[in-house]
Amino acid sequence: MDQRRNQQESVLPDIFDLHAEFCKIFSDPKRLRIMWSLQQGERSVSDLAKELGLTVSNTSQHLRMMFDRGAVTYRREGKTIFYRIANDKFIEGCLKIREGLKEQLIRNNQAASS
């Protein structure tokens, strides 16, 4: 499996650049919250803004950046735009990072109380 993955990555010489650029999405807590909300399913811009306590304009700016990098996709229904996560593996990655962070926090707390 690892050999096949390495062969696939060698075909994509810019994969590390793409990965770094994609990860910029997750450098902002608002975009992380948007991803977290979208894991529950498709949402309109106004619903996301209301749910997260953001302005529609600010939410749209974040979603545009996320769309440009391929993290989300959308469909239009009349004047309403509905966004969803483009690939379930993106949210799986976010969840794995969260799990790792929680484990680290627990270990750090246990070490501090010892």
PDB file of N, CA and C in Angstrom:
ATOM      1  N   MET A   1       0.830  -1.199   0.000  1.00  0.00           N
ATOM      2  CA  MET A   1       0.000   0.000   0.000  1.00  0.00           C
ATOM      3  C   MET A   1       0.869   1.255   0.000  1.00  0.00           C
ATOM      4  N   ASP A   2       1.891   1.294   0.874  1.00  0.00           N
ATOM      5  CA  ASP A   2       2.754   2.471   0.941  1.00  0.00           C
ATOM      6  C   ASP A   2       3.522   2.671  -0.355  1.00  0.00           C
ATOM      7  N   GLN A   3       3.967   1.579  -0.984  1.00  0.00           N
ATOM      8  CA  GLN A   3       4.703   1.685  -2.236  1.00  0.00           C
ATOM      9  C   GLN A   3       3.810   2.270  -3.326  1.00  0.00           C
ATOM     10  N   ARG A   4       2.561   1.811  -3.376  1.00  0.00           N
ATOM     11  CA  ARG A   4       1.628   2.326  -4.372  1.00  0.00           C
ATOM     12  C   ARG A   4       1.351   3.807  -4.120  1.00  0.00           C
ATOM     13  N   ARG A   5       1.194   4.191  -2.863  1.00  0.00           N
ATOM     14  CA  ARG A   5       0.961   5.593  -2.523  1.00  0.00           C
ATOM     15  C   ARG A   5       2.151   6.439  -2.960  1.00  0.00           C
ATOM     16  N   ASN A   6       3.370   5.976  -2.702  1.00  0.00           N
ATOM     17  CA  ASN A   6       4.569   6.712  -3.108  1.00  0.00           C
ATOM     18  C   ASN A   6       4.653   6.844  -4.621  1.00  0.00           C
ATOM     19  N   GLN A   7       4.278   5.792  -5.359  1.00  0.00           N
ATOM     20  CA  GLN A   7       4.275   5.859  -6.814  1.00  0.00           C
ATOM     21  C   GLN A   7       3.253   6.879  -7.305  1.00  0.00           C
ATOM     22  N   GLN A   8       2.078   6.889  -6.684  1.00  0.00           N
ATOM     23  CA  GLN A   8       1.049   7.847  -7.078  1.00  0.00           C
ATOM     24  C   GLN A   8       1.510   9.270  -6.804  1.00  0.00           C
ATOM     25  N   GLU A   9       2.157   9.493  -5.662  1.00  0.00           N
ATOM     26  CA  GLU A   9       2.617  10.830  -5.314  1.00  0.00           C
ATOM     27  C   GLU A   9       3.749  11.287  -6.219  1.00  0.00           C
ATOM     28  N   SER A  10       4.561  10.358  -6.710  1.00  0.00           N
ATOM     29  CA  SER A  10       5.644  10.756  -7.602  1.00  0.00           C
ATOM     30  C   SER A  10       5.104  11.241  -8.942  1.00  0.00           C
ATOM     31  N   VAL A  11       3.889  10.820  -9.299  1.00  0.00           N
ATOM     32  CA  VAL A  11       3.247  11.293 -10.515  1.00  0.00           C
ATOM     33  C   VAL A  11       2.759  12.728 -10.334  1.00  0.00           C
ATOM     34  N   LEU A  12       2.537  13.118  -9.102  1.00  0.00           N
ATOM     35  CA  LEU A  12       2.062  14.452  -8.770  1.00  0.00           C
ATOM     36  C   LEU A  12       3.186  15.225  -8.076  1.00  0.00           C
ATOM     37  N   PRO A  13       4.130  15.752  -8.811  1.00  0.00           N
ATOM     38  CA  PRO A  13       5.302  16.372  -8.179  1.00  0.00           C
ATOM     39  C   PRO A  13       4.979  17.591  -7.326  1.00  0.00           C
ATOM     40  N   ASP A  14       3.844  18.209  -7.529  1.00  0.00           N
ATOM     41  CA  ASP A  14       3.492  19.402  -6.756  1.00  0.00           C
ATOM     42  C   ASP A  14       2.591  19.066  -5.575  1.00  0.00           C
ATOM     43  N   ILE A  15       2.474  17.794  -5.207  1.00  0.00           N
ATOM     44  CA  ILE A  15       1.518  17.396  -4.166  1.00  0.00           C
ATOM     45  C   ILE A  15       1.792  18.091  -2.842  1.00  0.00           C
ATOM     46  N   PHE A  16       3.058  18.308  -2.504  1.00  0.00           N
ATOM     47  CA  PHE A  16       3.360  18.969  -1.237  1.00  0.00           C
ATOM     48  C   PHE A  16       2.961  20.438  -1.280  1.00  0.00           C
ATOM     49  N   ASP A  17       3.138  21.079  -2.432  1.00  0.00           N
ATOM     50  CA  ASP A  17       2.679  22.463  -2.583  1.00  0.00           C
ATOM     51  C   ASP A  17       1.161  22.545  -2.490  1.00  0.00           C
ATOM     52  N   LEU A  18       0.482  21.614  -3.169  1.00  0.00           N
ATOM     53  CA  LEU A  18      -0.984  21.578  -3.109  1.00  0.00           C
ATOM     54  C   LEU A  18      -1.463  21.323  -1.687  1.00  0.00           C
ATOM     55  N   HIS A  19      -0.808  20.399  -1.007  1.00  0.00           N
ATOM     56  CA  HIS A  19      -1.176  20.062   0.365  1.00  0.00           C
ATOM     57  C   HIS A  19      -1.020  21.281   1.274  1.00  0.00           C
ATOM     58  N   ALA A  20       0.109  21.973   1.159  1.00  0.00           N
ATOM     59  CA  ALA A  20       0.352  23.155   1.986  1.00  0.00           C
ATOM     60  C   ALA A  20      -0.675  24.247   1.696  1.00  0.00           C
ATOM     61  N   GLU A  21      -0.970  24.461   0.437  1.00  0.00           N
ATOM     62  CA  GLU A  21      -1.954  25.473   0.053  1.00  0.00           C
ATOM     63  C   GLU A  21      -3.343  25.101   0.571  1.00  0.00           C
ATOM     64  N   PHE A  22      -3.700  23.825   0.453  1.00  0.00           N
ATOM     65  CA  PHE A  22      -4.997  23.345   0.928  1.00  0.00           C
ATOM     66  C   PHE A  22      -5.121  23.531   2.438  1.00  0.00           C
ATOM     67  N   CYS A  23      -4.050  23.257   3.158  1.00  0.00           N
ATOM     68  CA  CYS A  23      -4.089  23.336   4.619  1.00  0.00           C
ATOM     69  C   CYS A  23      -4.273  24.763   5.127  1.00  0.00           C
ATOM     70  N   LYS A  24      -4.072  25.755   4.289  1.00  0.00           N
ATOM     71  CA  LYS A  24      -4.331  27.140   4.701  1.00  0.00           C
ATOM     72  C   LYS A  24      -5.802  27.330   5.069  1.00  0.00           C
ATOM     73  N   ILE A  25      -6.644  26.484   4.499  1.00  0.00           N
ATOM     74  CA  ILE A  25      -8.070  26.536   4.836  1.00  0.00           C
ATOM     75  C   ILE A  25      -8.245  26.369   6.336  1.00  0.00           C
ATOM     76  N   PHE A  26      -7.447  25.494   6.922  1.00  0.00           N
ATOM     77  CA  PHE A  26      -7.618  25.129   8.323  1.00  0.00           C
ATOM     78  C   PHE A  26      -6.829  26.016   9.272  1.00  0.00           C
ATOM     79  N   SER A  27      -6.262  27.095   8.742  1.00  0.00           N
ATOM     80  CA  SER A  27      -5.499  28.007   9.596  1.00  0.00           C
ATOM     81  C   SER A  27      -6.385  29.083  10.213  1.00  0.00           C
ATOM     82  N   ASP A  28      -7.663  29.039   9.954  1.00  0.00           N
ATOM     83  CA  ASP A  28      -8.600  30.027  10.486  1.00  0.00           C
ATOM     84  C   ASP A  28      -9.717  29.304  11.234  1.00  0.00           C
ATOM     85  N   PRO A  29      -9.949  29.647  12.499  1.00  0.00           N
ATOM     86  CA  PRO A  29     -11.002  28.965  13.273  1.00  0.00           C
ATOM     87  C   PRO A  29     -12.388  29.071  12.644  1.00  0.00           C
ATOM     88  N   LYS A  30     -12.668  30.161  11.957  1.00  0.00           N
ATOM     89  CA  LYS A  30     -13.988  30.295  11.331  1.00  0.00           C
ATOM     90  C   LYS A  30     -14.168  29.259  10.226  1.00  0.00           C
ATOM     91  N   ARG A  31     -13.121  29.047   9.440  1.00  0.00           N
ATOM     92  CA  ARG A  31     -13.222  28.049   8.377  1.00  0.00           C
ATOM     93  C   ARG A  31     -13.301  26.638   8.961  1.00  0.00           C
ATOM     94  N   LEU A  32     -12.614  26.402  10.054  1.00  0.00           N
ATOM     95  CA  LEU A  32     -12.746  25.105  10.725  1.00  0.00           C
ATOM     96  C   LEU A  32     -14.176  24.894  11.208  1.00  0.00           C
ATOM     97  N   ARG A  33     -14.775  25.944  11.757  1.00  0.00           N
ATOM     98  CA  ARG A  33     -16.163  25.844  12.219  1.00  0.00           C
ATOM     99  C   ARG A  33     -17.110  25.609  11.042  1.00  0.00           C
ATOM    100  N   ILE A  34     -16.827  26.230   9.910  1.00  0.00           N
ATOM    101  CA  ILE A  34     -17.644  26.006   8.712  1.00  0.00           C
ATOM    102  C   ILE A  34     -17.542  24.546   8.293  1.00  0.00           C
ATOM    103  N   MET A  35     -16.327  24.007   8.234  1.00  0.00           N
ATOM    104  CA  MET A  35     -16.153  22.595   7.872  1.00  0.00           C
ATOM    105  C   MET A  35     -16.892  21.693   8.858  1.00  0.00           C
ATOM    106  N   TRP A  36     -16.769  22.014  10.133  1.00  0.00           N
ATOM    107  CA  TRP A  36     -17.423  21.216  11.171  1.00  0.00           C
ATOM    108  C   TRP A  36     -18.939  21.202  10.960  1.00  0.00           C
ATOM    109  N   SER A  37     -19.490  22.361  10.630  1.00  0.00           N
ATOM    110  CA  SER A  37     -20.925  22.460  10.391  1.00  0.00           C
ATOM    111  C   SER A  37     -21.331  21.700   9.130  1.00  0.00           C
ATOM    112  N   LEU A  38     -20.510  21.798   8.093  1.00  0.00           N
ATOM    113  CA  LEU A  38     -20.850  21.141   6.827  1.00  0.00           C
ATOM    114  C   LEU A  38     -20.750  19.620   6.893  1.00  0.00           C
ATOM    115  N   GLN A  39     -20.082  19.093   7.905  1.00  0.00           N
ATOM    116  CA  GLN A  39     -20.027  17.631   8.019  1.00  0.00           C
ATOM    117  C   GLN A  39     -21.418  17.063   8.286  1.00  0.00           C
ATOM    118  N   GLN A  40     -22.322  17.898   8.793  1.00  0.00           N
ATOM    119  CA  GLN A  40     -23.693  17.465   9.063  1.00  0.00           C
ATOM    120  C   GLN A  40     -24.551  17.492   7.798  1.00  0.00           C
ATOM    121  N   GLY A  41     -24.013  18.059   6.736  1.00  0.00           N
ATOM    122  CA  GLY A  41     -24.737  18.116   5.469  1.00  0.00           C
ATOM    123  C   GLY A  41     -24.708  19.499   4.862  1.00  0.00           C
ATOM    124  N   GLU A  42     -25.294  19.574   3.719  1.00  0.00           N
ATOM    125  CA  GLU A  42     -25.337  20.800   2.927  1.00  0.00           C
ATOM    126  C   GLU A  42     -26.004  21.939   3.698  1.00  0.00           C
ATOM    127  N   ARG A  43     -25.461  23.151   3.546  1.00  0.00           N
ATOM    128  CA  ARG A  43     -26.007  24.330   4.217  1.00  0.00           C
ATOM    129  C   ARG A  43     -25.972  25.523   3.256  1.00  0.00           C
ATOM    130  N   SER A  44     -26.948  26.393   3.408  1.00  0.00           N
ATOM    131  CA  SER A  44     -26.923  27.646   2.651  1.00  0.00           C
ATOM    132  C   SER A  44     -25.980  28.619   3.352  1.00  0.00           C
ATOM    133  N   VAL A  45     -25.536  29.613   2.610  1.00  0.00           N
ATOM    134  CA  VAL A  45     -24.637  30.619   3.176  1.00  0.00           C
ATOM    135  C   VAL A  45     -25.296  31.305   4.360  1.00  0.00           C
ATOM    136  N   SER A  46     -26.558  31.689   4.205  1.00  0.00           N
ATOM    137  CA  SER A  46     -27.239  32.409   5.290  1.00  0.00           C
ATOM    138  C   SER A  46     -27.442  31.515   6.516  1.00  0.00           C
ATOM    139  N   ASP A  47     -27.733  30.241   6.311  1.00  0.00           N
ATOM    140  CA  ASP A  47     -27.876  29.326   7.445  1.00  0.00           C
ATOM    141  C   ASP A  47     -26.550  29.156   8.178  1.00  0.00           C
ATOM    142  N   LEU A  48     -25.455  29.009   7.412  1.00  0.00           N
ATOM    143  CA  LEU A  48     -24.138  28.901   8.034  1.00  0.00           C
ATOM    144  C   LEU A  48     -23.806  30.157   8.830  1.00  0.00           C
ATOM    145  N   ALA A  49     -24.059  31.307   8.234  1.00  0.00           N
ATOM    146  CA  ALA A  49     -23.752  32.578   8.900  1.00  0.00           C
ATOM    147  C   ALA A  49     -24.519  32.688  10.213  1.00  0.00           C
ATOM    148  N   LYS A  50     -25.791  32.387  10.167  1.00  0.00           N
ATOM    149  CA  LYS A  50     -26.619  32.466  11.368  1.00  0.00           C
ATOM    150  C   LYS A  50     -26.144  31.477  12.427  1.00  0.00           C
ATOM    151  N   GLU A  51     -25.899  30.237  12.010  1.00  0.00           N
ATOM    152  CA  GLU A  51     -25.474  29.176  12.937  1.00  0.00           C
ATOM    153  C   GLU A  51     -24.148  29.524  13.622  1.00  0.00           C
ATOM    154  N   LEU A  52     -23.234  30.155  12.876  1.00  0.00           N
ATOM    155  CA  LEU A  52     -21.899  30.419  13.396  1.00  0.00           C
ATOM    156  C   LEU A  52     -21.728  31.835  13.947  1.00  0.00           C
ATOM    157  N   GLY A  53     -22.772  32.652  13.852  1.00  0.00           N
ATOM    158  CA  GLY A  53     -22.694  34.011  14.372  1.00  0.00           C
ATOM    159  C   GLY A  53     -21.801  34.911  13.545  1.00  0.00           C
ATOM    160  N   LEU A  54     -21.771  34.690  12.237  1.00  0.00           N
ATOM    161  CA  LEU A  54     -20.970  35.481  11.318  1.00  0.00           C
ATOM    162  C   LEU A  54     -21.883  36.268  10.393  1.00  0.00           C
ATOM    163  N   THR A  55     -21.325  37.250   9.723  1.00  0.00           N
ATOM    164  CA  THR A  55     -22.109  37.942   8.715  1.00  0.00           C
ATOM    165  C   THR A  55     -22.156  37.084   7.456  1.00  0.00           C
ATOM    166  N   VAL A  56     -23.161  37.291   6.643  1.00  0.00           N
ATOM    167  CA  VAL A  56     -23.276  36.559   5.381  1.00  0.00           C
ATOM    168  C   VAL A  56     -22.073  36.881   4.498  1.00  0.00           C
ATOM    169  N   SER A  57     -21.664  38.139   4.476  1.00  0.00           N
ATOM    170  CA  SER A  57     -20.525  38.552   3.665  1.00  0.00           C
ATOM    171  C   SER A  57     -19.241  37.832   4.090  1.00  0.00           C
ATOM    172  N   ASN A  58     -18.985  37.786   5.391  1.00  0.00           N
ATOM    173  CA  ASN A  58     -17.788  37.129   5.902  1.00  0.00           C
ATOM    174  C   ASN A  58     -17.831  35.626   5.625  1.00  0.00           C
ATOM    175  N   THR A  59     -18.984  35.029   5.818  1.00  0.00           N
ATOM    176  CA  THR A  59     -19.154  33.603   5.543  1.00  0.00           C
ATOM    177  C   THR A  59     -18.903  33.322   4.071  1.00  0.00           C
ATOM    178  N   SER A  60     -19.433  34.154   3.199  1.00  0.00           N
ATOM    179  CA  SER A  60     -19.232  33.993   1.758  1.00  0.00           C
ATOM    180  C   SER A  60     -17.757  34.085   1.383  1.00  0.00           C
ATOM    181  N   GLN A  61     -17.037  35.012   2.007  1.00  0.00           N
ATOM    182  CA  GLN A  61     -15.601  35.157   1.721  1.00  0.00           C
ATOM    183  C   GLN A  61     -14.848  33.888   2.105  1.00  0.00           C
ATOM    184  N   HIS A  62     -15.157  33.348   3.264  1.00  0.00           N
ATOM    185  CA  HIS A  62     -14.497  32.115   3.703  1.00  0.00           C
ATOM    186  C   HIS A  62     -14.849  30.955   2.768  1.00  0.00           C
ATOM    187  N   LEU A  63     -16.111  30.838   2.415  1.00  0.00           N
ATOM    188  CA  LEU A  63     -16.538  29.759   1.537  1.00  0.00           C
ATOM    189  C   LEU A  63     -15.901  29.875   0.160  1.00  0.00           C
ATOM    190  N   ARG A  64     -15.730  31.087  -0.320  1.00  0.00           N
ATOM    191  CA  ARG A  64     -15.090  31.292  -1.626  1.00  0.00           C
ATOM    192  C   ARG A  64     -13.647  30.779  -1.597  1.00  0.00           C
ATOM    193  N   MET A  65     -12.937  31.117  -0.525  1.00  0.00           N
ATOM    194  CA  MET A  65     -11.552  30.649  -0.382  1.00  0.00           C
ATOM    195  C   MET A  65     -11.527  29.127  -0.309  1.00  0.00           C
ATOM    196  N   MET A  66     -12.448  28.549   0.424  1.00  0.00           N
ATOM    197  CA  MET A  66     -12.519  27.098   0.574  1.00  0.00           C
ATOM    198  C   MET A  66     -12.884  26.436  -0.756  1.00  0.00           C
ATOM    199  N   PHE A  67     -13.742  27.067  -1.523  1.00  0.00           N
ATOM    200  CA  PHE A  67     -14.113  26.558  -2.844  1.00  0.00           C
ATOM    201  C   PHE A  67     -12.920  26.630  -3.795  1.00  0.00           C
ATOM    202  N   ASP A  68     -12.235  27.758  -3.782  1.00  0.00           N
ATOM    203  CA  ASP A  68     -11.088  27.944  -4.675  1.00  0.00           C
ATOM    204  C   ASP A  68     -10.010  26.895  -4.448  1.00  0.00           C
ATOM    205  N   ARG A  69      -9.898  26.407  -3.227  1.00  0.00           N
ATOM    206  CA  ARG A  69      -8.891  25.393  -2.895  1.00  0.00           C
ATOM    207  C   ARG A  69      -9.452  23.969  -2.980  1.00  0.00           C
ATOM    208  N   GLY A  70     -10.729  23.849  -3.304  1.00  0.00           N
ATOM    209  CA  GLY A  70     -11.317  22.536  -3.545  1.00  0.00           C
ATOM    210  C   GLY A  70     -11.887  21.821  -2.335  1.00  0.00           C
ATOM    211  N   ALA A  71     -12.002  22.512  -1.203  1.00  0.00           N
ATOM    212  CA  ALA A  71     -12.505  21.866   0.008  1.00  0.00           C
ATOM    213  C   ALA A  71     -14.021  21.719   0.001  1.00  0.00           C
ATOM    214  N   VAL A  72     -14.700  22.656  -0.623  1.00  0.00           N
ATOM    215  CA  VAL A  72     -16.160  22.620  -0.687  1.00  0.00           C
ATOM    216  C   VAL A  72     -16.614  22.782  -2.128  1.00  0.00           C
ATOM    217  N   THR A  73     -17.828  22.375  -2.349  1.00  0.00           N
ATOM    218  CA  THR A  73     -18.471  22.579  -3.632  1.00  0.00           C
ATOM    219  C   THR A  73     -19.860  23.153  -3.347  1.00  0.00           C
ATOM    220  N   TYR A  74     -20.563  23.577  -4.371  1.00  0.00           N
ATOM    221  CA  TYR A  74     -21.873  24.177  -4.128  1.00  0.00           C
ATOM    222  C   TYR A  74     -22.836  23.861  -5.258  1.00  0.00           C
ATOM    223  N   ARG A  75     -24.083  24.119  -4.952  1.00  0.00           N
ATOM    224  CA  ARG A  75     -25.139  24.088  -5.968  1.00  0.00           C
ATOM    225  C   ARG A  75     -26.020  25.302  -5.727  1.00  0.00           C
ATOM    226  N   ARG A  76     -26.587  25.776  -6.809  1.00  0.00           N
ATOM    227  CA  ARG A  76     -27.458  26.948  -6.736  1.00  0.00           C
ATOM    228  C   ARG A  76     -28.906  26.508  -6.916  1.00  0.00           C
ATOM    229  N   GLU A  77     -29.756  27.050  -6.057  1.00  0.00           N
ATOM    230  CA  GLU A  77     -31.195  26.806  -6.157  1.00  0.00           C
ATOM    231  C   GLU A  77     -31.861  28.171  -6.124  1.00  0.00           C
ATOM    232  N   GLY A  78     -32.214  28.674  -7.295  1.00  0.00           N
ATOM    233  CA  GLY A  78     -32.710  30.046  -7.377  1.00  0.00           C
ATOM    234  C   GLY A  78     -31.593  30.998  -7.004  1.00  0.00           C
ATOM    235  N   LYS A  79     -31.852  31.860  -6.016  1.00  0.00           N
ATOM    236  CA  LYS A  79     -30.824  32.798  -5.548  1.00  0.00           C
ATOM    237  C   LYS A  79     -30.000  32.243  -4.389  1.00  0.00           C
ATOM    238  N   THR A  80     -30.387  31.079  -3.907  1.00  0.00           N
ATOM    239  CA  THR A  80     -29.715  30.498  -2.744  1.00  0.00           C
ATOM    240  C   THR A  80     -28.609  29.547  -3.185  1.00  0.00           C
ATOM    241  N   ILE A  81     -27.457  29.670  -2.529  1.00  0.00           N
ATOM    242  CA  ILE A  81     -26.325  28.785  -2.799  1.00  0.00           C
ATOM    243  C   ILE A  81     -26.147  27.863  -1.600  1.00  0.00           C
ATOM    244  N   PHE A  82     -26.053  26.574  -1.873  1.00  0.00           N
ATOM    245  CA  PHE A  82     -25.872  25.559  -0.845  1.00  0.00           C
ATOM    246  C   PHE A  82     -24.477  24.958  -0.991  1.00  0.00           C
ATOM    247  N   TYR A  83     -23.732  24.951   0.113  1.00  0.00           N
ATOM    248  CA  TYR A  83     -22.374  24.413   0.116  1.00  0.00           C
ATOM    249  C   TYR A  83     -22.342  23.059   0.805  1.00  0.00           C
ATOM    250  N   ARG A  84     -21.375  22.240   0.384  1.00  0.00           N
ATOM    251  CA  ARG A  84     -21.123  20.945   1.009  1.00  0.00           C
ATOM    252  C   ARG A  84     -19.637  20.641   0.890  1.00  0.00           C
ATOM    253  N   ILE A  85     -19.178  19.718   1.705  1.00  0.00           N
ATOM    254  CA  ILE A  85     -17.780  19.297   1.663  1.00  0.00           C
ATOM    255  C   ILE A  85     -17.560  18.527   0.367  1.00  0.00           C
ATOM    256  N   ALA A  86     -16.472  18.845  -0.333  1.00  0.00           N
ATOM    257  CA  ALA A  86     -16.212  18.267  -1.643  1.00  0.00           C
ATOM    258  C   ALA A  86     -15.800  16.798  -1.575  1.00  0.00           C
ATOM    259  N   ASN A  87     -15.155  16.400  -0.490  1.00  0.00           N
ATOM    260  CA  ASN A  87     -14.672  15.027  -0.365  1.00  0.00           C
ATOM    261  C   ASN A  87     -14.695  14.671   1.123  1.00  0.00           C
ATOM    262  N   ASP A  88     -15.337  13.579   1.463  1.00  0.00           N
ATOM    263  CA  ASP A  88     -15.458  13.169   2.869  1.00  0.00           C
ATOM    264  C   ASP A  88     -14.101  12.982   3.546  1.00  0.00           C
ATOM    265  N   LYS A  89     -13.078  12.691   2.782  1.00  0.00           N
ATOM    266  CA  LYS A  89     -11.750  12.496   3.368  1.00  0.00           C
ATOM    267  C   LYS A  89     -11.222  13.785   3.988  1.00  0.00           C
ATOM    268  N   PHE A  90     -11.673  14.931   3.501  1.00  0.00           N
ATOM    269  CA  PHE A  90     -11.228  16.205   4.075  1.00  0.00           C
ATOM    270  C   PHE A  90     -11.702  16.333   5.522  1.00  0.00           C
ATOM    271  N   ILE A  91     -12.954  15.985   5.782  1.00  0.00           N
ATOM    272  CA  ILE A  91     -13.457  16.075   7.152  1.00  0.00           C
ATOM    273  C   ILE A  91     -12.869  14.954   8.000  1.00  0.00           C
ATOM    274  N   GLU A  92     -12.615  13.798   7.405  1.00  0.00           N
ATOM    275  CA  GLU A  92     -11.963  12.716   8.141  1.00  0.00           C
ATOM    276  C   GLU A  92     -10.590  13.175   8.633  1.00  0.00           C
ATOM    277  N   GLY A  93      -9.861  13.901   7.784  1.00  0.00           N
ATOM    278  CA  GLY A  93      -8.562  14.441   8.184  1.00  0.00           C
ATOM    279  C   GLY A  93      -8.700  15.408   9.345  1.00  0.00           C
ATOM    280  N   CYS A  94      -9.692  16.282   9.263  1.00  0.00           N
ATOM    281  CA  CYS A  94      -9.945  17.228  10.358  1.00  0.00           C
ATOM    282  C   CYS A  94     -10.252  16.488  11.655  1.00  0.00           C
ATOM    283  N   LEU A  95     -11.060  15.455  11.561  1.00  0.00           N
ATOM    284  CA  LEU A  95     -11.432  14.686  12.753  1.00  0.00           C
ATOM    285  C   LEU A  95     -10.217  13.997  13.357  1.00  0.00           C
ATOM    286  N   LYS A  96      -9.342  13.455  12.522  1.00  0.00           N
ATOM    287  CA  LYS A  96      -8.126  12.801  13.028  1.00  0.00           C
ATOM    288  C   LYS A  96      -7.231  13.812  13.751  1.00  0.00           C
ATOM    289  N   ILE A  97      -7.098  14.990  13.197  1.00  0.00           N
ATOM    290  CA  ILE A  97      -6.290  16.026  13.847  1.00  0.00           C
ATOM    291  C   ILE A  97      -6.903  16.398  15.190  1.00  0.00           C
ATOM    292  N   ARG A  98      -8.232  16.566  15.236  1.00  0.00           N
ATOM    293  CA  ARG A  98      -8.913  16.880  16.502  1.00  0.00           C
ATOM    294  C   ARG A  98      -8.677  15.792  17.537  1.00  0.00           C
ATOM    295  N   GLU A  99      -8.797  14.525  17.115  1.00  0.00           N
ATOM    296  CA  GLU A  99      -8.559  13.411  18.036  1.00  0.00           C
ATOM    297  C   GLU A  99      -7.142  13.465  18.595  1.00  0.00           C
ATOM    298  N   GLY A 100      -6.177  13.711  17.717  1.00  0.00           N
ATOM    299  CA  GLY A 100      -4.791  13.813  18.153  1.00  0.00           C
ATOM    300  C   GLY A 100      -4.577  14.957  19.125  1.00  0.00           C
ATOM    301  N   LEU A 101      -5.202  16.097  18.856  1.00  0.00           N
ATOM    302  CA  LEU A 101      -5.079  17.255  19.754  1.00  0.00           C
ATOM    303  C   LEU A 101      -5.694  16.960  21.117  1.00  0.00           C
ATOM    304  N   LYS A 102      -6.862  16.313  21.124  1.00  0.00           N
ATOM    305  CA  LYS A 102      -7.497  15.949  22.397  1.00  0.00           C
ATOM    306  C   LYS A 102      -6.604  15.011  23.199  1.00  0.00           C
ATOM    307  N   GLU A 103      -6.028  14.018  22.529  1.00  0.00           N
ATOM    308  CA  GLU A 103      -5.129  13.085  23.213  1.00  0.00           C
ATOM    309  C   GLU A 103      -3.930  13.817  23.805  1.00  0.00           C
ATOM    310  N   GLN A 104      -3.372  14.748  23.047  1.00  0.00           N
ATOM    311  CA  GLN A 104      -2.236  15.528  23.538  1.00  0.00           C
ATOM    312  C   GLN A 104      -2.628  16.357  24.762  1.00  0.00           C
ATOM    313  N   LEU A 105      -3.800  16.986  24.709  1.00  0.00           N
ATOM    314  CA  LEU A 105      -4.262  17.787  25.846  1.00  0.00           C
ATOM    315  C   LEU A 105      -4.425  16.925  27.088  1.00  0.00           C
ATOM    316  N   ILE A 106      -4.997  15.743  26.905  1.00  0.00           N
ATOM    317  CA  ILE A 106      -5.181  14.835  28.055  1.00  0.00           C
ATOM    318  C   ILE A 106      -3.834  14.427  28.625  1.00  0.00           C
ATOM    319  N   ARG A 107      -2.901  14.050  27.735  1.00  0.00           N
ATOM    320  CA  ARG A 107      -1.558  13.658  28.203  1.00  0.00           C
ATOM    321  C   ARG A 107      -0.862  14.815  28.929  1.00  0.00           C
ATOM    322  N   ASN A 108      -0.975  16.021  28.360  1.00  0.00           N
ATOM    323  CA  ASN A 108      -0.351  17.190  28.981  1.00  0.00           C
ATOM    324  C   ASN A 108      -0.973  17.480  30.353  1.00  0.00           C
ATOM    325  N   ASN A 109      -2.284  17.363  30.448  1.00  0.00           N
ATOM    326  CA  ASN A 109      -2.964  17.588  31.729  1.00  0.00           C
ATOM    327  C   ASN A 109      -2.568  16.538  32.766  1.00  0.00           C
ATOM    328  N   GLN A 110      -2.448  15.289  32.323  1.00  0.00           N
ATOM    329  CA  GLN A 110      -2.048  14.215  33.222  1.00  0.00           C
ATOM    330  C   GLN A 110      -0.605  14.420  33.690  1.00  0.00           C
ATOM    331  N   ALA A 111       0.250  14.842  32.789  1.00  0.00           N
ATOM    332  CA  ALA A 111       1.655  15.083  33.148  1.00  0.00           C
ATOM    333  C   ALA A 111       1.763  16.260  34.105  1.00  0.00           C
ATOM    334  N   ALA A 112       0.946  17.276  33.915  1.00  0.00           N
ATOM    335  CA  ALA A 112       0.984  18.457  34.772  1.00  0.00           C
ATOM    336  C   ALA A 112       0.471  18.145  36.176  1.00  0.00           C
ATOM    337  N   SER A 113      -0.484  17.217  36.263  1.00  0.00           N
ATOM    338  CA  SER A 113      -1.050  16.892  37.584  1.00  0.00           C
ATOM    339  C   SER A 113      -0.254  15.808  38.315  1.00  0.00           C
ATOM    340  N   SER A 114       0.751  15.254  37.672  1.00  0.00           N
ATOM    341  CA  SER A 114       1.572  14.203  38.317  1.00  0.00           C
ATOM    342  C   SER A 114       2.596  14.784  39.251  1.00  0.00           C
TER     343      SER A 114
END
